[in-house]
C-alpha atoms as a PDB file:
ATOM      1  CA  MET A   1      -8.731   5.151   8.091  1.00  0.00           C
ATOM      2  CA  GLY A   2      -9.435   5.897   4.227  1.00  0.00           C
ATOM      3  CA  TRP A   3      -5.846   4.825   3.350  1.00  0.00           C
ATOM      4  CA  LEU A   4      -6.254   1.280   4.814  1.00  0.00           C
ATOM      5  CA  THR A   5      -9.988   1.201   3.361  1.00  0.00           C
ATOM      6  CA  LEU A   6      -8.355   2.510  -0.033  1.00  0.00           C
ATOM      7  CA  PHE A   7      -5.390  -0.304   0.183  1.00  0.00           C
ATOM      8  CA  SER A   8      -7.558  -3.271   0.615  1.00  0.00           C
ATOM      9  CA  THR A   9     -10.051  -2.280  -2.022  1.00  0.00           C
ATOM     10  CA  ILE A  10      -7.309  -2.012  -4.251  1.00  0.00           C
ATOM     11  CA  LEU A  11      -5.276  -5.053  -3.103  1.00  0.00           C
ATOM     12  CA  SER A  12      -8.214  -7.344  -3.782  1.00  0.00           C
ATOM     13  CA  ALA A  13      -8.510  -6.044  -7.335  1.00  0.00           C
ATOM     14  CA  SER A  14      -4.888  -6.883  -7.985  1.00  0.00           C
ATOM     15  CA  GLU A  15      -5.355 -10.448  -6.436  1.00  0.00           C
ATOM     16  CA  LYS A  16      -8.486 -11.072  -8.638  1.00  0.00           C
ATOM     17  CA  GLU A  17      -6.511  -9.415 -11.622  1.00  0.00           C
ATOM     18  CA  LYS A  18      -5.697 -12.226 -14.258  1.00  0.00           C
ATOM     19  CA  ASN A  19      -2.938  -9.437 -16.020  1.00  0.00           C
ATOM     20  CA  LYS A  20       0.230 -10.016 -14.249  1.00  0.00           C
ATOM     21  CA  LYS A  21       1.512  -6.648 -15.323  1.00  0.00           C
ATOM     22  CA  THR A  22      -1.780  -5.108 -14.367  1.00  0.00           C
ATOM     23  CA  ALA A  23      -1.943  -6.689 -11.088  1.00  0.00           C
ATOM     24  CA  LYS A  24       1.825  -5.773 -10.084  1.00  0.00           C
ATOM     25  CA  SER A  25       0.907  -2.297 -10.831  1.00  0.00           C
ATOM     26  CA  LEU A  26      -1.837  -2.514  -8.649  1.00  0.00           C
ATOM     27  CA  ALA A  27      -0.030  -4.013  -5.875  1.00  0.00           C
ATOM     28  CA  ALA A  28       1.894  -0.922  -6.072  1.00  0.00           C
ATOM     29  CA  GLU A  29      -0.159   1.341  -6.084  1.00  0.00           C
ATOM     30  CA  ALA A  30      -1.796  -0.510  -2.940  1.00  0.00           C
ATOM     31  CA  ALA A  31       1.429  -0.062  -1.508  1.00  0.00           C
ATOM     32  CA  LEU A  32       1.266   3.600  -1.830  1.00  0.00           C
ATOM     33  CA  CYS A  33      -2.017   3.948   0.250  1.00  0.00           C
ATOM     34  CA  LEU A  34      -0.563   1.840   2.718  1.00  0.00           C
ATOM     35  CA  ASP A  35       2.706   3.943   2.755  1.00  0.00           C
ATOM     36  CA  GLU A  36       0.285   6.815   3.414  1.00  0.00           C
ATOM     37  CA  ALA A  37      -1.832   5.686   6.064  1.00  0.00           C
ATOM     38  CA  VAL A  38       1.322   4.491   8.094  1.00  0.00           C
ATOM     39  CA  LYS A  39       2.032   8.308   8.403  1.00  0.00           C
ATOM     40  CA  PHE A  40      -0.724   8.712  10.615  1.00  0.00           C
ATOM     41  CA  PHE A  41       0.783   6.866  13.363  1.00  0.00           C
ATOM     42  CA  ARG A  42       3.341   7.918  15.899  1.00  0.00           C
ATOM     43  CA  PRO A  43       6.763   6.347  15.737  1.00  0.00           C
ATOM     44  CA  ASP A  44       6.207   5.483  19.426  1.00  0.00           C
ATOM     45  CA  CYS A  45       2.399   4.275  19.398  1.00  0.00           C
ATOM     46  CA  ASP A  46       1.342   0.835  17.518  1.00  0.00           C
ATOM     47  CA  LEU A  47      -2.118   2.769  17.285  1.00  0.00           C
ATOM     48  CA  PRO A  48      -3.181   5.535  15.751  1.00  0.00           C
ATOM     49  CA  ASP A  49      -4.882   8.852  17.082  1.00  0.00           C
ATOM     50  CA  GLU A  50      -8.410   9.100  16.786  1.00  0.00           C
ATOM     51  CA  GLY A  51      -7.756  12.249  14.661  1.00  0.00           C
ATOM     52  CA  ALA A  52      -6.454   9.764  12.014  1.00  0.00           C
ATOM     53  CA  PHE A  53     -10.415   9.431  11.254  1.00  0.00           C
ATOM     54  CA  PHE A  54     -12.323  11.454   9.181  1.00  0.00           C
ATOM     55  CA  THR A  55     -15.913  10.611  10.111  1.00  0.00           C
ATOM     56  CA  GLU A  56     -17.512   9.530  13.733  1.00  0.00           C
ATOM     57  CA  ASN A  57     -18.642   5.836  11.794  1.00  0.00           C
ATOM     58  CA  SER A  58     -14.609   5.349  11.112  1.00  0.00           C
ATOM     59  CA  ARG A  59     -13.660   6.776  14.991  1.00  0.00           C
ATOM     60  CA  ARG A  60     -16.444   3.941  16.049  1.00  0.00           C
ATOM     61  CA  ARG A  61     -14.927   1.329  14.167  1.00  0.00           C
ATOM     62  CA  PHE A  62     -11.361   2.117  15.847  1.00  0.00           C
ATOM     63  CA  ARG A  63     -13.244   1.969  19.343  1.00  0.00           C
ATOM     64  CA  ALA A  64     -15.033  -1.044  18.565  1.00  0.00           C
ATOM     65  CA  HIS A  65     -11.359  -2.807  16.543  1.00  0.00           C
ATOM     66  CA  PRO A  66      -8.563  -1.131  18.079  1.00  0.00           C
ATOM     67  CA  GLY A  67      -6.230  -4.216  16.833  1.00  0.00           C
ATOM     68  CA  HIS A  68      -7.505  -3.756  12.775  1.00  0.00           C
ATOM     69  CA  PHE A  69      -5.631  -0.616  13.117  1.00  0.00           C
ATOM     70  CA  ALA A  70      -2.497  -1.436  14.827  1.00  0.00           C
ATOM     71  CA  GLN A  71       0.598  -0.713  13.215  1.00  0.00           C
ATOM     72  CA  SER A  72       2.650  -3.513  13.461  1.00  0.00           C
ATOM     73  CA  LYS A  73       0.006  -5.232  11.496  1.00  0.00           C
ATOM     74  CA  TRP A  74      -0.107  -3.504   8.592  1.00  0.00           C
ATOM     75  CA  ARG A  75       3.921  -2.729   8.303  1.00  0.00           C
ATOM     76  CA  GLU A  76       3.852  -6.962   8.119  1.00  0.00           C
ATOM     77  CA  ARG A  77       1.590  -6.899   5.082  1.00  0.00           C
ATOM     78  CA  ARG A  78       3.484  -4.005   4.168  1.00  0.00           C
ATOM     79  CA  LEU A  79       6.929  -6.349   3.494  1.00  0.00           C
ATOM     80  CA  LEU A  80       4.807  -8.328   1.068  1.00  0.00           C
ATOM     81  CA  LEU A  81       4.107  -5.617  -1.373  1.00  0.00           C
ATOM     82  CA  PRO A  82       6.275  -4.326  -4.293  1.00  0.00           C
ATOM     83  CA  ASP A  83       9.265  -1.662  -3.716  1.00  0.00           C
ATOM     84  CA  VAL A  84       7.104   0.909  -4.888  1.00  0.00           C
ATOM     85  CA  LYS A  85      10.664   3.136  -5.972  1.00  0.00           C
ATOM     86  CA  ALA A  86      11.596  -0.163  -8.142  1.00  0.00           C
ATOM     87  CA  ALA A  87       7.923  -0.705  -9.421  1.00  0.00           C
ATOM     88  CA  VAL A  88       6.819   2.599 -10.807  1.00  0.00           C
ATOM     89  CA  THR A  89       8.194   5.726 -12.016  1.00  0.00           C
ATOM     90  CA  ALA A  90       6.299   9.039 -10.969  1.00  0.00           C
ATOM     91  CA  ASP A  91       4.649   8.821 -14.431  1.00  0.00           C
ATOM     92  CA  GLY A  92       3.340   5.508 -13.645  1.00  0.00           C
ATOM     93  CA  ARG A  93       5.206   3.773 -15.817  1.00  0.00           C
ATOM     94  CA  ALA A  94       8.117   1.227 -15.329  1.00  0.00           C
ATOM     95  CA  PRO A  95      11.178   2.353 -15.244  1.00  0.00           C
ATOM     96  CA  ARG A  96      13.551   1.081 -18.011  1.00  0.00           C
ATOM     97  CA  ALA A  97      16.265  -0.858 -17.099  1.00  0.00           C
ATOM     98  CA  ARG A  98      20.123   0.738 -17.592  1.00  0.00           C
ATOM     99  CA  TRP A  99      21.853  -0.486 -20.771  1.00  0.00           C
ATOM    100  CA  TRP A 100      24.278  -2.190 -18.963  1.00  0.00           C
ATOM    101  CA  GLN A 101      21.741  -4.347 -17.305  1.00  0.00           C
ATOM    102  CA  PHE A 102      20.253  -5.679 -20.906  1.00  0.00           C
ATOM    103  CA  TRP A 103      19.448  -9.086 -19.072  1.00  0.00           C
ATOM    104  CA  LYS A 104      16.908  -7.780 -16.509  1.00  0.00           C
ATOM    105  CA  ALA A 105      14.894  -6.022 -19.932  1.00  0.00           C
ATOM    106  CA  GLY A 106      11.450  -7.409 -20.399  1.00  0.00           C
ATOM    107  CA  PRO A 107      10.305  -8.059 -23.850  1.00  0.00           C
ATOM    108  CA  GLY A 108      10.360  -4.828 -26.343  1.00  0.00           C
END
């Protein structure tokens, strides 16, 4: 599943990023990728259908290492990432604090 590969790539970039704001933004983007990936799982099955893989190479990897694609593993990893709704708005920027939550607002 390409979404899992994209997730891993972006999360790796996030972990290497020195700028905290950029790292958090990348982690939120990785979370979105993982959210898309879990859509390919049926609720009653821990593994995705073979139809979730778009290339024969991906299907071969799935057959060789099905545990790598277990839904439970990815859902656990998702819990460690930021809540995307709170992290970014539709335009990709951090949401503004409400006026009555002035103590939560960052500088500037």
